[in-house]
Every structure is written in C-alpha cells, then in structure tokens.
Amino acid sequence: MNNNEEILENETMNETTSEDSAKITHIIDNFYMGADDYQYILKEKVTRTKRGSDETYESESTVGYYGSIQALIIGLVRLMTRREINNGNLKELKDYITYFENFEDHLEEIFNC
C-alpha cells in the first residue's frame, strides 16, 4: 500500500447526522461506506443508550477515513479480524483460515466477482 492509500483511522468514532445516512452504501453486517470529495469513510451502525435512561437509539459512528475503496476494505477486514480475536473466536491458524475463506466468499457475493 503506498502513502496515498494509507489508512487514516479515526479512533474517536464520530457520530454522523441523518442527512449523512442517505449517502452511505451497505458493505457487510453493520458496516457502511460513505464518501466525500477527498476520501472514503467507513461507518458502523451502533445502538446507544441515552444518558440517564434505559432508552436506546441507533446511530452511525465513523470508524475511519481512507484514500481508496481498496484501503477501506482492508481496514474493515483488519477491524473485523481484531474483533474476532478479542472475542476469542480465532485461537488457532485453522480458525483464521476458515474465517478468511468465509469472509472472502461473502465479499465475492457482495461485489459479484
């Protein structure tokens, strides 16, 4: 990956407005892709709880900013892999292989490769 396609991740996960929601494309699970004139934006739909109550609502968080769609997909794969490791779902090499084969199959379905 060259410097122009380096992943520019935003660790704070900013919320987006409902106006931004109309401009996103579903990728997989709760992940979506948006774009502006300069970058591609990886977003995740999350459920939050209002302060001081048990009431929940759905919002979008910005996961990261990327210079290309390829870099965004790589960032998404890395994020999802880290989450699988943290959840204890990937413990052995065979688990990684199965996970990536399933992920690759799902991406092929999405992009009709």
N, C-alpha and C. Protein backbone atom coordinates (compact mmCIF):
# COMPACT_ATOMS: atom_id res chain seq x y z
N MET A 1 0.86 -1.17 0.00
CA MET A 1 0.00 0.00 0.00
C MET A 1 0.91 1.23 0.00
N ASN A 2 0.68 2.19 -0.90
CA ASN A 2 1.51 3.38 -0.94
C ASN A 2 0.99 4.43 0.03
N ASN A 3 1.74 5.51 0.20
CA ASN A 3 1.38 6.53 1.17
C ASN A 3 0.04 7.19 0.88
N ASN A 4 -0.34 7.28 -0.39
CA ASN A 4 -1.63 7.89 -0.74
C ASN A 4 -2.80 7.04 -0.30
N GLU A 5 -2.55 5.75 -0.08
CA GLU A 5 -3.63 4.86 0.31
C GLU A 5 -3.49 4.42 1.76
N GLU A 6 -2.64 5.09 2.51
CA GLU A 6 -2.51 4.75 3.92
C GLU A 6 -3.85 4.93 4.61
N ILE A 7 -4.10 4.11 5.56
CA ILE A 7 -5.35 4.17 6.30
C ILE A 7 -5.27 5.31 7.31
N LEU A 8 -6.25 6.20 7.25
CA LEU A 8 -6.32 7.32 8.16
C LEU A 8 -7.46 7.05 9.13
N GLU A 9 -7.18 6.29 10.17
CA GLU A 9 -8.25 5.87 11.07
C GLU A 9 -8.55 6.96 12.09
N ASN A 10 -9.82 7.07 12.43
CA ASN A 10 -10.28 8.00 13.44
C ASN A 10 -10.66 7.19 14.66
N GLU A 11 -9.84 7.24 15.69
CA GLU A 11 -10.06 6.42 16.88
C GLU A 11 -11.26 6.86 17.70
N THR A 12 -11.75 8.09 17.51
CA THR A 12 -12.82 8.59 18.37
C THR A 12 -14.21 8.20 17.90
N MET A 13 -14.35 7.69 16.71
CA MET A 13 -15.64 7.24 16.17
C MET A 13 -16.72 8.33 16.31
N ASN A 14 -16.65 9.33 15.46
CA ASN A 14 -17.60 10.45 15.48
C ASN A 14 -18.97 10.02 15.01
N GLU A 15 -20.03 10.62 15.58
CA GLU A 15 -21.39 10.35 15.13
C GLU A 15 -21.67 11.15 13.87
N THR A 16 -22.56 10.62 13.03
CA THR A 16 -22.96 11.33 11.83
C THR A 16 -24.43 11.70 11.93
N THR A 17 -24.86 12.60 11.07
CA THR A 17 -26.25 13.05 11.10
C THR A 17 -27.10 12.18 10.20
N SER A 18 -28.42 12.29 10.32
CA SER A 18 -29.31 11.50 9.48
C SER A 18 -29.20 11.92 8.02
N GLU A 19 -28.80 13.16 7.77
CA GLU A 19 -28.59 13.61 6.39
C GLU A 19 -27.47 12.81 5.75
N ASP A 20 -26.40 12.51 6.53
CA ASP A 20 -25.30 11.71 6.03
C ASP A 20 -25.73 10.28 5.75
N SER A 21 -26.71 9.77 6.48
CA SER A 21 -27.16 8.39 6.34
C SER A 21 -27.67 8.09 4.94
N ALA A 22 -28.24 9.06 4.28
CA ALA A 22 -28.79 8.85 2.95
C ALA A 22 -27.69 8.63 1.92
N LYS A 23 -26.45 8.95 2.26
CA LYS A 23 -25.35 8.91 1.32
C LYS A 23 -24.41 7.73 1.56
N ILE A 24 -24.87 6.69 2.21
CA ILE A 24 -24.00 5.58 2.51
C ILE A 24 -24.44 4.31 1.80
N THR A 25 -23.48 3.40 1.60
CA THR A 25 -23.72 2.13 0.93
C THR A 25 -23.40 1.00 1.89
N HIS A 26 -24.30 0.04 2.01
CA HIS A 26 -24.09 -1.09 2.90
C HIS A 26 -22.97 -1.98 2.38
N ILE A 27 -22.08 -2.41 3.29
CA ILE A 27 -20.99 -3.31 2.91
C ILE A 27 -21.26 -4.71 3.47
N ILE A 28 -21.29 -4.81 4.80
CA ILE A 28 -21.48 -6.10 5.47
C ILE A 28 -21.92 -5.83 6.91
N ASP A 29 -22.77 -6.68 7.43
CA ASP A 29 -23.24 -6.56 8.82
C ASP A 29 -23.70 -5.13 9.09
N ASN A 30 -23.11 -4.49 10.09
CA ASN A 30 -23.48 -3.12 10.46
C ASN A 30 -22.55 -2.07 9.85
N PHE A 31 -21.77 -2.45 8.84
CA PHE A 31 -20.78 -1.55 8.26
C PHE A 31 -21.27 -0.98 6.93
N TYR A 32 -20.96 0.31 6.75
CA TYR A 32 -21.39 1.06 5.58
C TYR A 32 -20.23 1.90 5.08
N MET A 33 -20.33 2.35 3.83
CA MET A 33 -19.30 3.17 3.23
C MET A 33 -19.94 4.47 2.74
N GLY A 34 -19.28 5.57 3.04
CA GLY A 34 -19.67 6.87 2.52
C GLY A 34 -18.47 7.47 1.82
N ALA A 35 -18.65 8.63 1.24
CA ALA A 35 -17.54 9.30 0.55
C ALA A 35 -17.80 10.79 0.49
N ASP A 36 -16.72 11.53 0.39
CA ASP A 36 -16.82 12.95 0.08
C ASP A 36 -15.82 13.20 -1.06
N ASP A 37 -15.51 14.44 -1.33
CA ASP A 37 -14.62 14.75 -2.45
C ASP A 37 -13.19 14.27 -2.26
N TYR A 38 -12.80 13.92 -1.03
CA TYR A 38 -11.41 13.64 -0.73
C TYR A 38 -11.12 12.23 -0.22
N GLN A 39 -12.15 11.52 0.25
CA GLN A 39 -11.89 10.26 0.92
C GLN A 39 -13.12 9.37 0.96
N TYR A 40 -12.87 8.11 1.29
CA TYR A 40 -13.94 7.14 1.55
C TYR A 40 -14.03 6.99 3.06
N ILE A 41 -15.25 6.85 3.56
CA ILE A 41 -15.47 6.86 5.00
C ILE A 41 -16.16 5.56 5.41
N LEU A 42 -15.52 4.82 6.33
CA LEU A 42 -16.10 3.60 6.87
C LEU A 42 -16.94 3.96 8.09
N LYS A 43 -18.20 3.53 8.07
CA LYS A 43 -19.13 3.84 9.16
C LYS A 43 -19.71 2.55 9.72
N GLU A 44 -20.11 2.61 10.97
CA GLU A 44 -20.75 1.47 11.61
C GLU A 44 -22.02 1.93 12.30
N LYS A 45 -23.11 1.20 12.08
CA LYS A 45 -24.34 1.49 12.80
C LYS A 45 -24.24 0.84 14.17
N VAL A 46 -24.51 1.63 15.20
CA VAL A 46 -24.40 1.14 16.57
C VAL A 46 -25.67 1.49 17.34
N THR A 47 -25.92 0.75 18.39
CA THR A 47 -27.03 1.05 19.28
C THR A 47 -26.46 1.69 20.54
N ARG A 48 -27.00 2.82 20.89
CA ARG A 48 -26.52 3.57 22.06
C ARG A 48 -27.65 3.69 23.07
N THR A 49 -27.28 3.97 24.31
CA THR A 49 -28.25 4.18 25.38
C THR A 49 -28.21 5.65 25.78
N LYS A 50 -29.39 6.27 25.87
CA LYS A 50 -29.46 7.66 26.29
C LYS A 50 -29.00 7.77 27.74
N ARG A 51 -28.27 8.84 28.01
CA ARG A 51 -27.79 9.08 29.38
C ARG A 51 -28.97 9.25 30.33
N GLY A 52 -28.85 8.62 31.46
CA GLY A 52 -29.87 8.78 32.49
C GLY A 52 -31.14 7.99 32.24
N SER A 53 -31.14 7.11 31.24
CA SER A 53 -32.32 6.29 31.00
C SER A 53 -31.90 4.97 30.36
N ASP A 54 -32.85 4.06 30.24
CA ASP A 54 -32.58 2.78 29.60
C ASP A 54 -32.98 2.80 28.12
N GLU A 55 -33.41 3.96 27.63
CA GLU A 55 -33.86 4.09 26.25
C GLU A 55 -32.67 4.01 25.30
N THR A 56 -32.83 3.22 24.23
CA THR A 56 -31.76 3.07 23.26
C THR A 56 -32.15 3.70 21.93
N TYR A 57 -31.16 4.01 21.13
CA TYR A 57 -31.38 4.56 19.80
C TYR A 57 -30.24 4.12 18.90
N GLU A 58 -30.48 4.13 17.60
CA GLU A 58 -29.48 3.73 16.62
C GLU A 58 -28.80 4.97 16.06
N SER A 59 -27.48 4.88 15.91
CA SER A 59 -26.74 5.98 15.30
C SER A 59 -25.60 5.40 14.49
N GLU A 60 -24.91 6.26 13.76
CA GLU A 60 -23.75 5.85 12.97
C GLU A 60 -22.50 6.46 13.56
N SER A 61 -21.45 5.65 13.60
CA SER A 61 -20.15 6.11 14.05
C SER A 61 -19.16 6.02 12.91
N THR A 62 -18.31 7.01 12.79
CA THR A 62 -17.25 6.96 11.78
C THR A 62 -16.10 6.13 12.35
N VAL A 63 -15.74 5.09 11.62
CA VAL A 63 -14.67 4.19 12.05
C VAL A 63 -13.34 4.69 11.51
N GLY A 64 -13.31 5.13 10.24
CA GLY A 64 -12.05 5.59 9.67
C GLY A 64 -12.23 6.25 8.32
N TYR A 65 -11.17 6.92 7.89
CA TYR A 65 -11.13 7.62 6.61
C TYR A 65 -10.04 6.98 5.76
N TYR A 66 -10.33 6.76 4.46
CA TYR A 66 -9.42 6.02 3.60
C TYR A 66 -9.28 6.70 2.25
N GLY A 67 -8.10 6.55 1.64
CA GLY A 67 -7.82 7.17 0.35
C GLY A 67 -8.37 6.42 -0.85
N SER A 68 -8.77 5.14 -0.65
CA SER A 68 -9.32 4.35 -1.75
C SER A 68 -10.30 3.33 -1.19
N ILE A 69 -11.13 2.77 -2.06
CA ILE A 69 -12.06 1.74 -1.63
C ILE A 69 -11.29 0.49 -1.18
N GLN A 70 -10.20 0.18 -1.88
CA GLN A 70 -9.39 -0.98 -1.50
C GLN A 70 -8.86 -0.82 -0.08
N ALA A 71 -8.37 0.37 0.25
CA ALA A 71 -7.85 0.62 1.59
C ALA A 71 -8.97 0.53 2.63
N LEU A 72 -10.16 0.98 2.28
CA LEU A 72 -11.31 0.89 3.19
C LEU A 72 -11.63 -0.58 3.47
N ILE A 73 -11.66 -1.42 2.43
CA ILE A 73 -11.96 -2.84 2.62
C ILE A 73 -10.87 -3.50 3.47
N ILE A 74 -9.62 -3.18 3.21
CA ILE A 74 -8.53 -3.73 4.03
C ILE A 74 -8.69 -3.30 5.48
N GLY A 75 -9.03 -2.03 5.70
CA GLY A 75 -9.27 -1.55 7.07
C GLY A 75 -10.41 -2.27 7.74
N LEU A 76 -11.47 -2.54 6.99
CA LEU A 76 -12.63 -3.26 7.53
C LEU A 76 -12.24 -4.69 7.90
N VAL A 77 -11.52 -5.37 7.02
CA VAL A 77 -11.08 -6.74 7.30
C VAL A 77 -10.21 -6.76 8.56
N ARG A 78 -9.31 -5.81 8.68
CA ARG A 78 -8.43 -5.75 9.86
C ARG A 78 -9.25 -5.51 11.13
N LEU A 79 -10.21 -4.60 11.07
CA LEU A 79 -11.06 -4.31 12.22
C LEU A 79 -11.86 -5.54 12.64
N MET A 80 -12.50 -6.18 11.66
CA MET A 80 -13.32 -7.34 11.96
C MET A 80 -12.46 -8.49 12.50
N THR A 81 -11.25 -8.64 11.98
CA THR A 81 -10.34 -9.68 12.46
C THR A 81 -9.93 -9.40 13.90
N ARG A 82 -9.59 -8.15 14.21
CA ARG A 82 -9.23 -7.80 15.60
C ARG A 82 -10.38 -8.09 16.55
N ARG A 83 -11.60 -7.78 16.12
CA ARG A 83 -12.76 -8.05 16.96
C ARG A 83 -12.96 -9.55 17.18
N GLU A 84 -12.75 -10.34 16.13
CA GLU A 84 -12.87 -11.79 16.27
C GLU A 84 -11.82 -12.33 17.24
N ILE A 85 -10.60 -11.80 17.17
CA ILE A 85 -9.54 -12.21 18.10
C ILE A 85 -9.92 -11.82 19.53
N ASN A 86 -10.36 -10.57 19.71
CA ASN A 86 -10.74 -10.10 21.05
C ASN A 86 -11.91 -10.88 21.63
N ASN A 87 -12.81 -11.37 20.76
CA ASN A 87 -13.95 -12.16 21.22
C ASN A 87 -13.58 -13.61 21.48
N GLY A 88 -12.33 -13.99 21.19
CA GLY A 88 -11.88 -15.35 21.42
C GLY A 88 -12.30 -16.33 20.35
N ASN A 89 -12.73 -15.83 19.20
CA ASN A 89 -13.22 -16.71 18.13
C ASN A 89 -12.11 -17.24 17.23
N LEU A 90 -10.94 -16.61 17.24
CA LEU A 90 -9.82 -17.05 16.41
C LEU A 90 -8.66 -17.42 17.32
N LYS A 91 -8.51 -18.72 17.58
CA LYS A 91 -7.49 -19.18 18.52
C LYS A 91 -6.36 -19.94 17.85
N GLU A 92 -6.65 -20.54 16.70
CA GLU A 92 -5.65 -21.34 16.01
C GLU A 92 -5.60 -20.94 14.55
N LEU A 93 -4.53 -21.33 13.88
CA LEU A 93 -4.35 -20.98 12.47
C LEU A 93 -5.52 -21.45 11.62
N LYS A 94 -6.03 -22.64 11.89
CA LYS A 94 -7.15 -23.14 11.10
C LYS A 94 -8.38 -22.25 11.26
N ASP A 95 -8.54 -21.62 12.44
CA ASP A 95 -9.66 -20.69 12.66
C ASP A 95 -9.52 -19.46 11.76
N TYR A 96 -8.28 -18.95 11.64
CA TYR A 96 -8.02 -17.80 10.77
C TYR A 96 -8.32 -18.14 9.31
N ILE A 97 -7.86 -19.31 8.89
CA ILE A 97 -8.06 -19.73 7.51
C ILE A 97 -9.55 -19.83 7.19
N THR A 98 -10.30 -20.48 8.06
CA THR A 98 -11.75 -20.61 7.86
C THR A 98 -12.42 -19.25 7.85
N TYR A 99 -12.03 -18.38 8.78
CA TYR A 99 -12.61 -17.04 8.87
C TYR A 99 -12.37 -16.27 7.58
N PHE A 100 -11.13 -16.28 7.06
CA PHE A 100 -10.82 -15.52 5.85
C PHE A 100 -11.47 -16.12 4.62
N GLU A 101 -11.58 -17.44 4.56
CA GLU A 101 -12.28 -18.06 3.43
C GLU A 101 -13.74 -17.64 3.41
N ASN A 102 -14.39 -17.66 4.57
CA ASN A 102 -15.79 -17.24 4.66
C ASN A 102 -15.94 -15.76 4.33
N PHE A 103 -15.02 -14.94 4.81
CA PHE A 103 -15.06 -13.50 4.55
C PHE A 103 -14.87 -13.24 3.06
N GLU A 104 -13.92 -13.94 2.44
CA GLU A 104 -13.67 -13.77 1.01
C GLU A 104 -14.91 -14.17 0.20
N ASP A 105 -15.55 -15.27 0.57
CA ASP A 105 -16.77 -15.70 -0.11
C ASP A 105 -17.85 -14.64 -0.01
N HIS A 106 -17.98 -14.06 1.17
CA HIS A 106 -19.01 -13.03 1.38
C HIS A 106 -18.72 -11.79 0.54
N LEU A 107 -17.45 -11.38 0.48
CA LEU A 107 -17.09 -10.22 -0.34
C LEU A 107 -17.34 -10.50 -1.82
N GLU A 108 -17.06 -11.71 -2.26
CA GLU A 108 -17.33 -12.06 -3.66
C GLU A 108 -18.82 -11.96 -3.96
N GLU A 109 -19.66 -12.38 -3.02
CA GLU A 109 -21.11 -12.24 -3.20
C GLU A 109 -21.50 -10.77 -3.33
N ILE A 110 -20.92 -9.94 -2.48
CA ILE A 110 -21.25 -8.52 -2.48
C ILE A 110 -20.85 -7.86 -3.79
N PHE A 111 -19.63 -8.14 -4.24
CA PHE A 111 -19.10 -7.47 -5.43
C PHE A 111 -19.34 -8.26 -6.71
N ASN A 112 -20.04 -9.39 -6.61
CA ASN A 112 -20.35 -10.23 -7.78
C ASN A 112 -19.12 -10.55 -8.61
N CYS A 113 -18.06 -10.95 -7.93
CA CYS A 113 -16.79 -11.27 -8.64
C CYS A 113 -16.87 -12.64 -9.29
